[in-house]
């Protein structure tokens, strides 16, 4: 589930709207008691790494 960052992302060439939330879990970002479980942070890092590898390998990025 992406966050509202898409408003900015769609104005920039090659921008990626990416604000991960875990399926079946309450979204706890951007509030006074913001937190993320370590296991979910690890999964986020794996997703971000994969995204960076894929973007870095696009012909238009080389």
Protein backbone atom coordinates (compact mmCIF):
# COMPACT_ATOMS: atom_id res chain seq x y z
CA UNK A 1 0.00 0.00 0.00
CA UNK A 2 1.66 3.27 -1.07
CA UNK A 3 1.47 6.46 0.91
CA UNK A 4 0.33 9.83 -0.42
CA UNK A 5 3.83 10.51 -1.79
CA UNK A 6 2.42 9.79 -5.25
CA UNK A 7 1.43 13.44 -5.59
CA UNK A 8 5.09 14.39 -5.66
CA UNK A 9 6.34 11.31 -7.50
CA UNK A 10 4.11 11.79 -10.53
CA UNK A 11 5.57 15.28 -11.08
CA UNK A 12 9.12 13.98 -11.45
CA UNK A 13 10.58 11.94 -14.33
CA UNK A 14 11.63 8.42 -13.27
CA UNK A 15 10.25 8.93 -9.73
CA UNK A 16 8.93 5.95 -7.83
CA UNK A 17 6.00 6.14 -5.43
CA UNK A 18 6.94 3.65 -2.76
CA UNK A 19 5.64 3.64 0.80
CA UNK A 20 5.34 0.01 1.90
CA UNK A 21 2.73 -1.22 4.34
CA UNK A 22 2.34 -4.84 5.36
CA UNK A 23 -0.83 -6.70 4.35
CA UNK A 24 -3.15 -7.34 7.26
CA UNK A 25 -1.32 -4.96 9.61
CA UNK A 26 -2.43 -1.56 10.84
CA UNK A 27 -0.60 1.27 9.05
CA UNK A 28 1.31 3.07 11.81
CA UNK A 29 3.36 5.63 9.86
CA UNK A 30 3.04 9.42 9.97
CA UNK A 31 1.41 9.78 13.37
CA UNK A 32 2.44 10.58 16.95
CA UNK A 33 3.09 6.90 17.80
CA UNK A 34 4.78 5.91 14.55
CA UNK A 35 6.63 2.60 14.66
CA UNK A 36 7.67 -0.35 12.50
CA UNK A 37 8.42 -3.89 13.62
CA UNK A 38 11.97 -5.08 12.92
CA UNK A 39 10.77 -7.97 10.73
CA UNK A 40 8.74 -5.54 8.62
CA UNK A 41 11.72 -3.16 8.36
CA UNK A 42 13.84 -6.07 7.11
CA UNK A 43 11.20 -6.85 4.45
CA UNK A 44 11.08 -3.16 3.48
CA UNK A 45 14.87 -3.14 3.02
CA UNK A 46 14.65 -6.18 0.76
CA UNK A 47 11.95 -4.46 -1.34
CA UNK A 48 13.92 -1.19 -1.54
CA UNK A 49 17.08 -3.08 -2.55
CA UNK A 50 15.23 -4.97 -5.29
CA UNK A 51 13.67 -1.74 -6.55
CA UNK A 52 17.08 -0.01 -6.70
CA UNK A 53 18.62 -2.93 -8.58
CA UNK A 54 15.79 -2.94 -11.12
CA UNK A 55 15.84 0.83 -11.62
CA UNK A 56 19.62 0.82 -11.88
CA UNK A 57 19.42 -1.74 -14.67
CA UNK A 58 16.91 0.19 -16.80
CA UNK A 59 18.40 1.16 -20.17
CA UNK A 60 17.36 4.78 -19.66
CA UNK A 61 19.30 4.90 -16.37
CA UNK A 62 22.60 3.63 -17.84
